[in-house]
Amino acid sequence: MRGQAAMEFTMTYGWAILVVLVAIGTMGYFGVLSPGKYLPDACIISGFQCEDAELALLARGDANDGKVALHVVLQNAMEENIKINDPTASTVFDDNEPADWCLICVPGTDCLGPNAYTFGTTIFKPGDRFELGCMSENGFAIADQRLNVRVEEFSYTKIGKPFVSTTNLEVKSTLCELTTAAPRC
């Protein structure tokens, strides 16, 4: 009798368990259960304070459509004056996409033109803020995709010191879409 009861229980509730597993698998396949959507954005760097970071998908109807732009506002948290070196060569978008260019500028302005600083010459005092902007080399992403961007050797020179120091910058964020109507996220 016990064997028959166990078999009836398994047959009755086994179908319900199978339906639940298929439903969970379907939701996972269509991205409903993607935990990355619910993770907070992160900006990780030592020696600097990361005040703001965003990853934007360009959709302005020009040659840069589909490319990803990184904007990070950093503050010199060290007690020394520094110069920032060009991080373009060590910037990687989503593990394999290289950066086309990087610039530093006055926070909240267009990094192209008169607001741009020059790598290796502009001196940032303790507490000074600056924005790092980088552009991916190719279009590879879609809107609302979660990306990880790394500057593997964010290098800077402390004024009066003969050597170059490096740190890592990592930004994890969901892409917002930039259009001509919405130039910032």
Protein backbone atom coordinates (compact mmCIF):
# COMPACT_ATOMS: atom_id res chain seq x y z
CA MET A 1 0.00 0.00 0.00
CA ARG A 2 2.80 2.41 0.82
CA GLY A 3 4.35 1.94 -2.61
CA GLN A 4 1.04 2.65 -4.31
CA ALA A 5 0.50 5.81 -2.22
CA ALA A 6 3.99 7.06 -3.03
CA MET A 7 3.43 6.41 -6.74
CA GLU A 8 0.08 8.22 -6.73
CA PHE A 9 1.62 11.19 -4.88
CA THR A 10 4.51 11.38 -7.37
CA MET A 11 2.22 11.19 -10.39
CA THR A 12 -0.23 13.73 -9.01
CA TYR A 13 2.26 16.37 -7.86
CA GLY A 14 5.07 15.53 -10.30
CA TRP A 15 3.15 17.21 -13.13
CA ALA A 16 2.69 20.35 -11.04
CA ILE A 17 6.42 20.45 -10.25
CA LEU A 18 7.23 19.95 -13.95
CA VAL A 19 4.94 22.86 -14.91
CA VAL A 20 6.59 25.12 -12.32
CA LEU A 21 10.07 24.19 -13.61
CA VAL A 22 9.05 24.91 -17.22
CA ALA A 23 7.60 28.29 -16.16
CA ILE A 24 10.81 29.23 -14.32
CA GLY A 25 12.91 28.16 -17.30
CA THR A 26 10.76 30.24 -19.67
CA MET A 27 11.02 33.34 -17.47
CA GLY A 28 14.79 32.89 -17.26
CA TYR A 29 15.07 32.53 -21.04
CA PHE A 30 13.17 35.78 -21.67
CA GLY A 31 15.16 37.75 -19.08
CA VAL A 32 12.49 38.14 -16.42
CA LEU A 33 14.76 36.50 -13.87
CA SER A 34 17.96 38.31 -14.86
CA PRO A 35 19.50 39.38 -11.56
CA GLY A 36 21.79 41.89 -13.32
CA LYS A 37 18.79 44.15 -13.94
CA TYR A 38 18.30 44.58 -10.21
CA LEU A 39 21.92 45.14 -9.18
CA PRO A 40 22.94 48.68 -8.28
CA ASP A 41 25.34 50.64 -10.48
CA ALA A 42 28.93 50.64 -9.27
CA CYS A 43 32.01 52.80 -9.78
CA ILE A 44 35.13 51.42 -8.13
CA ILE A 45 38.50 53.19 -8.00
CA SER A 46 41.12 53.83 -5.33
CA GLY A 47 42.80 57.18 -4.74
CA PHE A 48 39.85 59.05 -6.27
CA GLN A 49 36.26 59.61 -5.28
CA CYS A 50 33.81 58.52 -7.97
CA GLU A 51 30.97 61.06 -7.80
CA ASP A 52 28.96 60.00 -10.84
CA ALA A 53 29.20 57.38 -13.57
CA GLU A 54 27.03 56.53 -16.55
CA LEU A 55 27.20 54.33 -19.61
CA ALA A 56 25.25 55.61 -22.58
CA LEU A 57 24.29 54.07 -25.90
CA LEU A 58 24.54 56.70 -28.64
CA ALA A 59 21.48 57.02 -30.86
CA ARG A 60 21.85 60.49 -32.37
CA GLY A 61 21.57 59.56 -36.05
CA ASP A 62 25.26 60.08 -36.83
CA ALA A 63 28.37 57.96 -37.42
CA ASN A 64 28.60 57.11 -33.70
CA ASP A 65 25.22 55.32 -33.50
CA GLY A 66 25.47 52.14 -31.47
CA LYS A 67 28.73 53.09 -29.81
CA VAL A 68 28.94 53.25 -26.02
CA ALA A 69 30.08 56.36 -24.14
CA LEU A 70 31.49 56.28 -20.62
CA HIS A 71 31.18 59.41 -18.44
CA VAL A 72 32.75 59.36 -14.97
CA VAL A 73 33.12 62.34 -12.65
CA LEU A 74 36.12 61.82 -10.38
CA GLN A 75 37.62 63.85 -7.57
CA ASN A 76 41.28 63.76 -6.57
CA ALA A 77 41.08 62.22 -3.08
CA MET A 78 44.85 62.10 -2.62
CA GLU A 79 46.77 64.69 -0.68
CA GLU A 80 49.03 65.50 -3.60
CA ASN A 81 48.78 67.30 -6.93
CA ILE A 82 48.58 64.89 -9.87
CA LYS A 83 48.54 64.72 -13.68
CA ILE A 84 46.33 62.15 -15.42
CA ASN A 85 47.81 60.06 -18.25
CA ASP A 86 45.82 58.95 -21.32
CA PRO A 87 43.85 55.76 -20.41
CA THR A 88 42.59 54.98 -23.95
CA ALA A 89 44.86 51.97 -24.52
CA SER A 90 43.81 50.24 -21.29
CA THR A 91 40.04 50.89 -21.49
CA VAL A 92 37.87 47.85 -22.24
CA PHE A 93 34.09 47.89 -22.75
CA ASP A 94 32.30 44.66 -21.75
CA ASP A 95 35.42 42.43 -21.69
CA ASN A 96 36.44 42.71 -25.34
CA GLU A 97 35.55 46.03 -26.98
CA PRO A 98 38.43 48.56 -27.02
CA ALA A 99 38.05 52.30 -26.56
CA ASP A 100 38.40 54.55 -29.59
CA TRP A 101 39.37 57.60 -27.50
CA CYS A 102 39.25 59.06 -24.00
CA LEU A 103 39.20 62.70 -22.85
CA ILE A 104 39.18 64.56 -19.55
CA CYS A 105 37.25 67.80 -19.11
CA VAL A 106 35.30 70.12 -16.83
CA PRO A 107 32.47 68.06 -15.23
CA GLY A 108 29.06 68.48 -16.86
CA THR A 109 30.35 70.00 -20.10
CA ASP A 110 30.99 68.65 -23.57
CA CYS A 111 34.48 67.11 -23.42
CA LEU A 112 35.17 68.19 -26.98
CA GLY A 113 36.44 71.72 -27.51
CA PRO A 114 37.50 74.39 -25.05
CA ASN A 115 36.44 72.46 -21.94
CA ALA A 116 38.90 69.61 -22.59
CA TYR A 117 42.06 69.24 -20.54
CA THR A 118 45.28 67.80 -21.92
CA PHE A 119 46.48 64.43 -20.64
CA GLY A 120 49.78 64.58 -18.81
CA THR A 121 49.92 68.38 -18.48
CA THR A 122 46.86 69.57 -16.53
CA ILE A 123 47.51 69.57 -12.77
CA PHE A 124 44.70 68.47 -10.45
CA LYS A 125 45.01 69.57 -6.83
CA PRO A 126 43.52 67.63 -3.90
CA GLY A 127 39.73 67.95 -4.11
CA ASP A 128 39.71 68.98 -7.81
CA ARG A 129 36.97 67.38 -9.89
CA PHE A 130 37.24 66.25 -13.50
CA GLU A 131 35.24 64.15 -15.93
CA LEU A 132 36.65 61.20 -17.83
CA GLY A 133 34.86 60.45 -21.09
CA CYS A 134 35.61 57.44 -23.30
CA MET A 135 33.97 56.14 -26.49
CA SER A 136 33.92 52.53 -27.68
CA GLU A 137 35.59 51.78 -30.98
CA ASN A 138 32.59 49.99 -32.50
CA GLY A 139 28.84 49.77 -32.02
CA PHE A 140 28.11 46.54 -30.13
CA ALA A 141 25.46 47.10 -27.47
CA ILE A 142 21.70 47.49 -27.13
CA ALA A 143 19.69 49.80 -24.88
CA ASP A 144 19.06 48.63 -21.28
CA GLN A 145 21.98 46.16 -21.51
CA ARG A 146 24.11 45.91 -18.37
CA LEU A 147 27.80 46.50 -19.10
CA ASN A 148 31.07 46.39 -17.25
CA VAL A 149 33.75 48.90 -18.36
CA ARG A 150 37.29 48.66 -17.03
CA VAL A 151 40.21 51.04 -17.26
CA GLU A 152 42.84 48.47 -16.37
CA GLU A 153 45.66 50.96 -15.93
CA PHE A 154 44.30 54.35 -14.92
CA SER A 155 47.68 56.00 -14.54
CA TYR A 156 48.64 59.30 -12.99
CA THR A 157 51.80 61.06 -11.96
CA LYS A 158 52.20 62.69 -8.56
CA ILE A 159 53.82 66.08 -8.98
CA GLY A 160 57.43 66.01 -7.81
CA LYS A 161 57.63 62.19 -7.96
CA PRO A 162 59.66 60.48 -10.73
CA PHE A 163 57.36 57.47 -11.23
CA VAL A 164 53.90 56.77 -12.61
CA SER A 165 51.22 55.33 -10.30
CA THR A 166 48.34 53.21 -11.52
CA THR A 167 44.97 52.14 -10.22
CA ASN A 168 42.00 50.32 -11.75
CA LEU A 169 38.68 51.96 -12.57
CA GLU A 170 35.62 49.78 -13.01
CA VAL A 171 32.11 50.96 -13.87
CA LYS A 172 29.12 48.60 -13.86
CA SER A 173 25.90 50.10 -15.12
CA THR A 174 22.86 49.65 -17.34
CA LEU A 175 23.02 51.51 -20.64
CA CYS A 176 20.77 54.49 -21.10
CA GLU A 177 20.05 55.74 -24.61
CA LEU A 178 21.34 59.15 -25.71
CA THR A 179 19.57 60.95 -28.51
CA THR A 180 19.78 64.49 -29.85
CA ALA A 181 16.79 65.33 -27.65
CA ALA A 182 18.40 63.80 -24.55
CA PRO A 183 22.14 64.55 -24.62
CA ARG A 184 22.70 63.18 -21.07
CA CYS A 185 21.09 60.34 -19.16
